[in-house]
C-alpha atoms as a PDB file:
ATOM      1  CA  MET A   1     -17.867  22.166  98.491  1.00  0.00           C
ATOM      2  CA  MET A   2     -14.417  23.391  97.090  1.00  0.00           C
ATOM      3  CA  LEU A   3     -12.763  20.635  99.176  1.00  0.00           C
ATOM      4  CA  HIS A   4     -14.076  17.973  96.911  1.00  0.00           C
ATOM      5  CA  GLU A   5     -14.335  19.883  93.720  1.00  0.00           C
ATOM      6  CA  GLY A   6     -10.885  18.918  92.628  1.00  0.00           C
ATOM      7  CA  HIS A   7     -11.427  15.060  93.129  1.00  0.00           C
ATOM      8  CA  ARG A   8     -14.830  15.310  91.529  1.00  0.00           C
ATOM      9  CA  LYS A   9     -13.258  17.099  88.376  1.00  0.00           C
ATOM     10  CA  ARG A  10     -10.578  14.174  88.130  1.00  0.00           C
ATOM     11  CA  MET A  11     -13.397  11.573  88.247  1.00  0.00           C
ATOM     12  CA  ARG A  12     -15.275  13.493  85.504  1.00  0.00           C
ATOM     13  CA  ASP A  13     -12.174  13.843  83.369  1.00  0.00           C
ATOM     14  CA  LYS A  14     -11.597  10.019  83.832  1.00  0.00           C
ATOM     15  CA  LEU A  15     -15.172   9.173  82.643  1.00  0.00           C
ATOM     16  CA  ALA A  16     -14.682  11.699  79.796  1.00  0.00           C
ATOM     17  CA  ALA A  17     -11.402  10.162  78.679  1.00  0.00           C
ATOM     18  CA  GLY A  18     -13.116   6.726  78.520  1.00  0.00           C
ATOM     19  CA  GLU A  19     -11.073   5.351  81.326  1.00  0.00           C
ATOM     20  CA  LEU A  20     -12.398   2.150  83.015  1.00  0.00           C
ATOM     21  CA  LEU A  21     -13.911   3.063  86.393  1.00  0.00           C
ATOM     22  CA  GLN A  22     -14.104   0.742  89.291  1.00  0.00           C
ATOM     23  CA  GLU A  23     -17.677  -0.053  90.623  1.00  0.00           C
ATOM     24  CA  HIS A  24     -17.217   2.120  93.691  1.00  0.00           C
ATOM     25  CA  GLU A  25     -16.074   4.954  91.468  1.00  0.00           C
ATOM     26  CA  ARG A  26     -19.225   4.576  89.240  1.00  0.00           C
ATOM     27  CA  LEU A  27     -21.413   4.717  92.360  1.00  0.00           C
ATOM     28  CA  GLU A  28     -19.511   7.539  93.900  1.00  0.00           C
ATOM     29  CA  MET A  29     -19.966   9.686  90.787  1.00  0.00           C
ATOM     30  CA  LEU A  30     -23.802   8.792  90.619  1.00  0.00           C
ATOM     31  CA  LEU A  31     -24.062  10.256  94.122  1.00  0.00           C
ATOM     32  CA  PHE A  32     -22.558  13.460  93.184  1.00  0.00           C
ATOM     33  CA  ASN A  33     -26.069  14.766  92.554  1.00  0.00           C
ATOM     34  CA  ALA A  34     -27.508  13.522  95.682  1.00  0.00           C
ATOM     35  CA  TYR A  35     -24.715  14.759  97.867  1.00  0.00           C
ATOM     36  CA  PRO A  36     -23.552  18.081  96.152  1.00  0.00           C
ATOM     37  CA  ARG A  37     -21.265  19.163  99.155  1.00  0.00           C
ATOM     38  CA  LYS A  38     -20.171  15.926 100.545  1.00  0.00           C
ATOM     39  CA  ASN A  39     -17.398  13.383  99.983  1.00  0.00           C
ATOM     40  CA  THR A  40     -19.419  10.432  98.368  1.00  0.00           C
ATOM     41  CA  ASN A  41     -16.602   7.786  98.446  1.00  0.00           C
ATOM     42  CA  PRO A  42     -17.393   6.465 102.021  1.00  0.00           C
ATOM     43  CA  ILE A  43     -21.136   5.931 101.444  1.00  0.00           C
ATOM     44  CA  ALA A  44     -20.511   4.317  98.036  1.00  0.00           C
ATOM     45  CA  HIS A  45     -18.408   1.759  99.919  1.00  0.00           C
ATOM     46  CA  VAL A  46     -21.020   1.256 102.574  1.00  0.00           C
ATOM     47  CA  LEU A  47     -23.576   0.738 100.003  1.00  0.00           C
ATOM     48  CA  LEU A  48     -21.513  -1.891  98.077  1.00  0.00           C
ATOM     49  CA  ASP A  49     -20.586  -3.585 101.295  1.00  0.00           C
ATOM     50  CA  THR A  50     -24.068  -3.759 102.208  1.00  0.00           C
ATOM     51  CA  PHE A  51     -25.785  -4.646  99.016  1.00  0.00           C
ATOM     52  CA  GLY A  52     -22.933  -6.526  97.195  1.00  0.00           C
ATOM     53  CA  SER A  53     -22.972  -4.706  93.987  1.00  0.00           C
ATOM     54  CA  ILE A  54     -24.430  -1.542  92.169  1.00  0.00           C
ATOM     55  CA  ARG A  55     -27.286  -3.806  90.988  1.00  0.00           C
ATOM     56  CA  GLY A  56     -27.864  -4.891  94.518  1.00  0.00           C
ATOM     57  CA  VAL A  57     -28.028  -1.230  95.563  1.00  0.00           C
ATOM     58  CA  PHE A  58     -30.573  -0.648  92.759  1.00  0.00           C
ATOM     59  CA  GLU A  59     -32.690  -3.609  93.738  1.00  0.00           C
ATOM     60  CA  ALA A  60     -32.844  -2.686  97.419  1.00  0.00           C
ATOM     61  CA  ASP A  61     -36.106  -1.198  98.428  1.00  0.00           C
ATOM     62  CA  ILE A  62     -36.343   2.326 100.032  1.00  0.00           C
ATOM     63  CA  LYS A  63     -36.542   1.151 103.573  1.00  0.00           C
ATOM     64  CA  GLU A  64     -33.387  -0.975 103.240  1.00  0.00           C
ATOM     65  CA  LEU A  65     -31.535   1.893 101.678  1.00  0.00           C
ATOM     66  CA  MET A  66     -32.547   4.295 104.469  1.00  0.00           C
ATOM     67  CA  ALA A  67     -31.353   1.859 106.995  1.00  0.00           C
ATOM     68  CA  ILE A  68     -27.788   2.868 105.989  1.00  0.00           C
ATOM     69  CA  GLU A  69     -26.359   5.809 107.965  1.00  0.00           C
ATOM     70  CA  GLY A  70     -26.464   8.920 105.959  1.00  0.00           C
ATOM     71  CA  VAL A  71     -29.029   7.785 103.318  1.00  0.00           C
ATOM     72  CA  GLY A  72     -32.146   9.724 103.799  1.00  0.00           C
ATOM     73  CA  GLU A  73     -35.434   9.432 102.006  1.00  0.00           C
ATOM     74  CA  GLY A  74     -34.312  12.021  99.335  1.00  0.00           C
ATOM     75  CA  VAL A  75     -31.215   9.898  98.471  1.00  0.00           C
ATOM     76  CA  ALA A  76     -32.946   6.646  98.651  1.00  0.00           C
ATOM     77  CA  THR A  77     -35.766   7.720  96.129  1.00  0.00           C
ATOM     78  CA  TYR A  78     -33.122   9.187  93.772  1.00  0.00           C
ATOM     79  CA  LEU A  79     -31.266   5.805  93.655  1.00  0.00           C
ATOM     80  CA  LYS A  80     -34.659   4.103  92.892  1.00  0.00           C
ATOM     81  CA  CYS A  81     -35.281   6.515  90.210  1.00  0.00           C
ATOM     82  CA  VAL A  82     -31.786   5.950  88.691  1.00  0.00           C
ATOM     83  CA  ALA A  83     -32.429   2.141  89.109  1.00  0.00           C
ATOM     84  CA  ALA A  84     -35.775   2.397  87.170  1.00  0.00           C
ATOM     85  CA  CYS A  85     -34.054   4.135  84.340  1.00  0.00           C
ATOM     86  CA  ALA A  86     -31.156   1.713  84.387  1.00  0.00           C
ATOM     87  CA  LYS A  87     -33.086  -1.489  84.680  1.00  0.00           C
ATOM     88  CA  PRO A  88     -33.466  -2.234  80.973  1.00  0.00           C
ATOM     89  CA  ALA A  89     -29.604  -2.143  80.524  1.00  0.00           C
ATOM     90  CA  TYR A  90     -29.127  -4.766  83.169  1.00  0.00           C
ATOM     91  CA  SER A  91     -27.165  -7.724  81.820  1.00  0.00           C
ATOM     92  CA  ALA A  92     -28.177 -11.274  82.651  1.00  0.00           C
ATOM     93  CA  ASP A  93     -24.769 -11.896  84.207  1.00  0.00           C
ATOM     94  CA  GLY A  94     -24.309  -8.494  85.765  1.00  0.00           C
ATOM     95  CA  ALA A  95     -22.304  -7.845  88.934  1.00  0.00           C
ATOM     96  CA  GLU A  96     -24.410 -10.106  91.060  1.00  0.00           C
ATOM     97  CA  VAL A  97     -22.949 -12.556  93.561  1.00  0.00           C
ATOM     98  CA  PHE A  98     -24.153 -16.086  93.745  1.00  0.00           C
ATOM     99  CA  LEU A  99     -23.164 -18.493  96.439  1.00  0.00           C
ATOM    100  CA  ARG A 100     -24.323 -21.986  95.382  1.00  0.00           C
ATOM    101  CA  ASN A 101     -21.984 -24.153  97.090  1.00  0.00           C
ATOM    102  CA  TYR A 102     -19.293 -24.265  99.731  1.00  0.00           C
ATOM    103  CA  GLY A 103     -16.459 -23.477  97.204  1.00  0.00           C
ATOM    104  CA  ASP A 104     -18.427 -20.247  96.263  1.00  0.00           C
ATOM    105  CA  PHE A 105     -18.936 -19.314  99.960  1.00  0.00           C
ATOM    106  CA  LYS A 106     -15.301 -19.890 100.772  1.00  0.00           C
ATOM    107  CA  GLU A 107     -13.994 -17.894  97.946  1.00  0.00           C
ATOM    108  CA  PHE A 108     -16.396 -14.954  98.602  1.00  0.00           C
ATOM    109  CA  THR A 109     -15.378 -15.004 102.364  1.00  0.00           C
ATOM    110  CA  MET A 110     -11.822 -14.979 101.655  1.00  0.00           C
ATOM    111  CA  ARG A 111     -12.226 -12.072  99.297  1.00  0.00           C
ATOM    112  CA  ARG A 112     -14.357 -10.026 101.785  1.00  0.00           C
ATOM    113  CA  LEU A 113     -12.183 -10.745 105.029  1.00  0.00           C
ATOM    114  CA  ARG A 114      -8.581 -11.251 103.923  1.00  0.00           C
ATOM    115  CA  SER A 115      -7.593  -7.565 104.167  1.00  0.00           C
ATOM    116  CA  LYS A 116      -9.432  -6.963 107.437  1.00  0.00           C
ATOM    117  CA  THR A 117      -7.421  -5.688 110.217  1.00  0.00           C
ATOM    118  CA  GLU A 118     -10.088  -5.901 112.855  1.00  0.00           C
ATOM    119  CA  GLU A 119     -12.679  -8.662 113.661  1.00  0.00           C
ATOM    120  CA  VAL A 120     -15.671  -8.514 111.384  1.00  0.00           C
ATOM    121  CA  LEU A 121     -19.028 -10.285 111.314  1.00  0.00           C
ATOM    122  CA  GLU A 122     -20.940 -10.763 108.150  1.00  0.00           C
ATOM    123  CA  LEU A 123     -24.237 -12.474 107.329  1.00  0.00           C
ATOM    124  CA  TYR A 124     -24.831 -13.080 103.655  1.00  0.00           C
ATOM    125  CA  MET A 125     -28.656 -13.211 102.982  1.00  0.00           C
ATOM    126  CA  LEU A 126     -29.499 -15.304 100.121  1.00  0.00           C
ATOM    127  CA  GLU A 127     -32.509 -15.712  97.600  1.00  0.00           C
ATOM    128  CA  LYS A 128     -33.470 -19.293  96.683  1.00  0.00           C
ATOM    129  CA  ASN A 129     -31.157 -19.288  93.525  1.00  0.00           C
ATOM    130  CA  GLY A 130     -28.069 -18.400  95.775  1.00  0.00           C
ATOM    131  CA  ARG A 131     -27.978 -14.675  94.879  1.00  0.00           C
ATOM    132  CA  VAL A 132     -26.761 -12.450  97.599  1.00  0.00           C
ATOM    133  CA  LYS A 133     -29.486  -9.827  98.110  1.00  0.00           C
ATOM    134  CA  TYR A 134     -28.160  -8.351 101.381  1.00  0.00           C
ATOM    135  CA  ILE A 135     -25.073  -8.274 103.398  1.00  0.00           C
ATOM    136  CA  PHE A 136     -25.037  -7.480 107.232  1.00  0.00           C
ATOM    137  CA  SER A 137     -21.699  -6.445 108.183  1.00  0.00           C
ATOM    138  CA  ARG A 138     -20.535  -5.190 111.395  1.00  0.00           C
ATOM    139  CA  CYS A 139     -17.265  -4.448 113.283  1.00  0.00           C
ATOM    140  CA  GLU A 140     -16.683  -2.376 116.324  1.00  0.00           C
ATOM    141  CA  GLY A 141     -13.240  -0.709 115.376  1.00  0.00           C
ATOM    142  CA  ASN A 142     -11.709  -2.006 118.746  1.00  0.00           C
ATOM    143  CA  GLY A 143      -9.497  -4.859 117.158  1.00  0.00           C
ATOM    144  CA  HIS A 144     -10.044  -8.388 118.286  1.00  0.00           C
ATOM    145  CA  LYS A 145     -13.752  -8.458 119.207  1.00  0.00           C
ATOM    146  CA  VAL A 146     -17.057  -7.768 117.611  1.00  0.00           C
ATOM    147  CA  SER A 147     -20.379  -8.082 119.221  1.00  0.00           C
ATOM    148  CA  VAL A 148     -23.912  -7.378 117.858  1.00  0.00           C
ATOM    149  CA  GLU A 149     -27.288  -7.227 119.483  1.00  0.00           C
ATOM    150  CA  ARG A 150     -29.659 -10.189 118.678  1.00  0.00           C
ATOM    151  CA  ASP A 151     -32.482  -7.618 117.862  1.00  0.00           C
ATOM    152  CA  GLU A 152     -30.477  -5.813 115.340  1.00  0.00           C
ATOM    153  CA  ILE A 153     -29.787  -9.098 113.416  1.00  0.00           C
ATOM    154  CA  SER A 154     -33.505 -10.091 113.825  1.00  0.00           C
ATOM    155  CA  ALA A 155     -34.359  -6.647 112.266  1.00  0.00           C
ATOM    156  CA  ALA A 156     -32.127  -7.160 109.464  1.00  0.00           C
ATOM    157  CA  ILE A 157     -33.460 -10.666 108.820  1.00  0.00           C
ATOM    158  CA  ALA A 158     -36.980  -9.454 108.920  1.00  0.00           C
ATOM    159  CA  SER A 159     -36.306  -6.675 106.420  1.00  0.00           C
ATOM    160  CA  ALA A 160     -34.279  -8.744 104.041  1.00  0.00           C
ATOM    161  CA  LYS A 161     -36.565 -11.814 103.999  1.00  0.00           C
ATOM    162  CA  PRO A 162     -33.887 -14.026 102.669  1.00  0.00           C
ATOM    163  CA  TYR A 163     -34.374 -17.795 101.739  1.00  0.00           C
ATOM    164  CA  GLY A 164     -31.229 -18.595 103.511  1.00  0.00           C
ATOM    165  CA  ILE A 165     -28.260 -17.285 105.464  1.00  0.00           C
ATOM    166  CA  LEU A 166     -24.484 -17.760 105.442  1.00  0.00           C
ATOM    167  CA  ILE A 167     -22.350 -16.530 108.522  1.00  0.00           C
ATOM    168  CA  ALA A 168     -18.795 -15.487 108.050  1.00  0.00           C
ATOM    169  CA  HIS A 169     -16.361 -13.782 110.538  1.00  0.00           C
ATOM    170  CA  ASN A 170     -12.629 -13.628 110.958  1.00  0.00           C
ATOM    171  CA  HIS A 171     -10.048 -14.439 113.846  1.00  0.00           C
ATOM    172  CA  LEU A 172      -7.140 -12.177 113.928  1.00  0.00           C
ATOM    173  CA  THR A 173      -5.159 -14.813 116.060  1.00  0.00           C
ATOM    174  CA  GLY A 174      -4.110 -16.749 113.003  1.00  0.00           C
ATOM    175  CA  ASP A 175      -6.243 -19.879 114.061  1.00  0.00           C
ATOM    176  CA  SER A 176      -9.583 -20.422 112.562  1.00  0.00           C
ATOM    177  CA  ARG A 177     -10.857 -22.978 115.082  1.00  0.00           C
ATOM    178  CA  PRO A 178     -14.172 -21.813 116.493  1.00  0.00           C
ATOM    179  CA  SER A 179     -14.565 -20.835 120.143  1.00  0.00           C
ATOM    180  CA  GLU A 180     -17.354 -21.882 122.432  1.00  0.00           C
ATOM    181  CA  GLN A 181     -18.751 -18.351 121.865  1.00  0.00           C
ATOM    182  CA  ASP A 182     -18.763 -18.939 118.015  1.00  0.00           C
ATOM    183  CA  ASP A 183     -20.739 -22.133 118.719  1.00  0.00           C
ATOM    184  CA  LYS A 184     -23.163 -20.450 120.845  1.00  0.00           C
ATOM    185  CA  PHE A 185     -23.556 -17.596 118.202  1.00  0.00           C
ATOM    186  CA  THR A 186     -24.022 -20.243 115.504  1.00  0.00           C
ATOM    187  CA  GLY A 187     -26.721 -21.904 117.414  1.00  0.00           C
ATOM    188  CA  GLU A 188     -28.470 -18.652 118.247  1.00  0.00           C
ATOM    189  CA  ILE A 189     -28.688 -17.702 114.590  1.00  0.00           C
ATOM    190  CA  SER A 190     -29.960 -21.109 113.788  1.00  0.00           C
ATOM    191  CA  VAL A 191     -32.829 -20.586 116.267  1.00  0.00           C
ATOM    192  CA  LEU A 192     -33.598 -17.248 114.688  1.00  0.00           C
ATOM    193  CA  CYS A 193     -33.666 -18.735 111.291  1.00  0.00           C
ATOM    194  CA  ASN A 194     -35.818 -21.548 112.254  1.00  0.00           C
ATOM    195  CA  LEU A 195     -38.421 -19.137 113.850  1.00  0.00           C
ATOM    196  CA  SER A 196     -38.519 -17.306 110.555  1.00  0.00           C
ATOM    197  CA  GLY A 197     -38.556 -20.275 108.294  1.00  0.00           C
ATOM    198  CA  ILE A 198     -34.971 -19.516 106.943  1.00  0.00           C
ATOM    199  CA  THR A 199     -32.234 -21.986 106.192  1.00  0.00           C
ATOM    200  CA  LEU A 200     -28.780 -21.362 107.969  1.00  0.00           C
ATOM    201  CA  TYR A 201     -26.434 -23.171 105.496  1.00  0.00           C
ATOM    202  CA  ASP A 202     -22.910 -22.615 107.116  1.00  0.00           C
ATOM    203  CA  HIS A 203     -20.652 -20.471 109.201  1.00  0.00           C
ATOM    204  CA  CYS A 204     -17.079 -19.955 107.925  1.00  0.00           C
ATOM    205  CA  VAL A 205     -14.284 -18.521 110.287  1.00  0.00           C
ATOM    206  CA  TYR A 206     -11.338 -17.031 108.393  1.00  0.00           C
ATOM    207  CA  ALA A 207      -7.873 -16.776 109.720  1.00  0.00           C
ATOM    208  CA  SER A 208      -5.964 -16.792 106.375  1.00  0.00           C
ATOM    209  CA  ASP A 209      -6.444 -17.984 102.837  1.00  0.00           C
ATOM    210  CA  ASN A 210      -4.781 -21.295 104.028  1.00  0.00           C
ATOM    211  CA  ASP A 211      -6.955 -21.613 107.153  1.00  0.00           C
ATOM    212  CA  VAL A 212     -10.680 -21.274 106.752  1.00  0.00           C
ATOM    213  CA  TYR A 213     -12.972 -23.295 109.174  1.00  0.00           C
ATOM    214  CA  SER A 214     -16.399 -24.415 107.928  1.00  0.00           C
ATOM    215  CA  TYR A 215     -19.137 -25.677 110.238  1.00  0.00           C
ATOM    216  CA  PHE A 216     -20.730 -27.423 107.264  1.00  0.00           C
ATOM    217  CA  ALA A 217     -17.572 -28.915 105.752  1.00  0.00           C
ATOM    218  CA  GLU A 218     -16.504 -30.151 109.268  1.00  0.00           C
ATOM    219  CA  GLY A 219     -19.913 -31.796 109.836  1.00  0.00           C
ATOM    220  CA  ARG A 220     -21.022 -29.709 112.766  1.00  0.00           C
ATOM    221  CA  MET A 221     -24.069 -27.864 111.498  1.00  0.00           C
ATOM    222  CA  ASP A 222     -26.456 -30.706 112.482  1.00  0.00           C
ATOM    223  CA  GLU A 223     -24.824 -30.852 115.960  1.00  0.00           C
ATOM    224  CA  ILE A 224     -25.155 -27.203 116.468  1.00  0.00           C
ATOM    225  CA  LYS A 225     -28.797 -27.199 115.279  1.00  0.00           C
ATOM    226  CA  SER A 226     -29.701 -30.044 117.553  1.00  0.00           C
ATOM    227  CA  LYS A 227     -27.803 -28.667 120.612  1.00  0.00           C
ATOM    228  CA  TYR A 228     -29.135 -25.229 120.307  1.00  0.00           C
ATOM    229  CA  ASN A 229     -32.949 -24.598 120.317  1.00  0.00           C
ATOM    230  CA  LEU A 230     -35.346 -22.020 121.651  1.00  0.00           C
ATOM    231  CA  ASN A 231     -35.674 -23.913 125.127  1.00  0.00           C
ATOM    232  CA  SER A 232     -31.956 -24.137 125.652  1.00  0.00           C
ATOM    233  CA  ILE A 233     -31.355 -20.531 124.747  1.00  0.00           C
ATOM    234  CA  MET A 234     -34.152 -19.414 127.206  1.00  0.00           C
ATOM    235  CA  ASN A 235     -32.776 -21.522 130.006  1.00  0.00           C
ATOM    236  CA  ASN A 236     -29.371 -19.912 129.586  1.00  0.00           C
ATOM    237  CA  ARG A 237     -30.786 -16.466 130.072  1.00  0.00           C
ATOM    238  CA  ARG A 238     -32.280 -17.415 133.429  1.00  0.00           C
END
């Protein structure tokens, strides 16, 4: 407890002095009561990376919160209680993220991936109005390759129940052109979306701010959707 007490005091002093706190700092302080003997900075960042904003954290249900490593039922219930108290203060244009067109998606992808030093895969799960309701983000911490089990993605989609999905990942090679494996992954997610009645809008590959590949912008989404279907995927497994 003493290890983090100095940091917590500095945070409280900033708040008392009226200094502007960043979003992760506000959530970090909110979690002080939930984790009295634990550094809350990492879990605050994970929650924001997953749900996009504090408002997104508040609007997640208890099961979605408990799916985050380190968040048990008690912490999830605490966050929902705080959310219920804070809901009347929500502003109409709060810290939500809306991805309504390719420009929005490209800008959001650049902001999320430009500082990454390892390969990251993200799925942005959207409501019908384009609001990001859940972010599925994975990296393996081993540099240039990330792999995710199909069942894990299926479970995330079933939990979030999105209207539509956008895929984003980065290439550390400096070249955004997609590989055959990228095509296959896009096709498999398209099939999963079809089975769930969900729209797959696009897949962006980020190499740099000046080099972002979009399957949609390149006119390849229809090609991928026609090439990959349930039968083709099942045949490839045989």
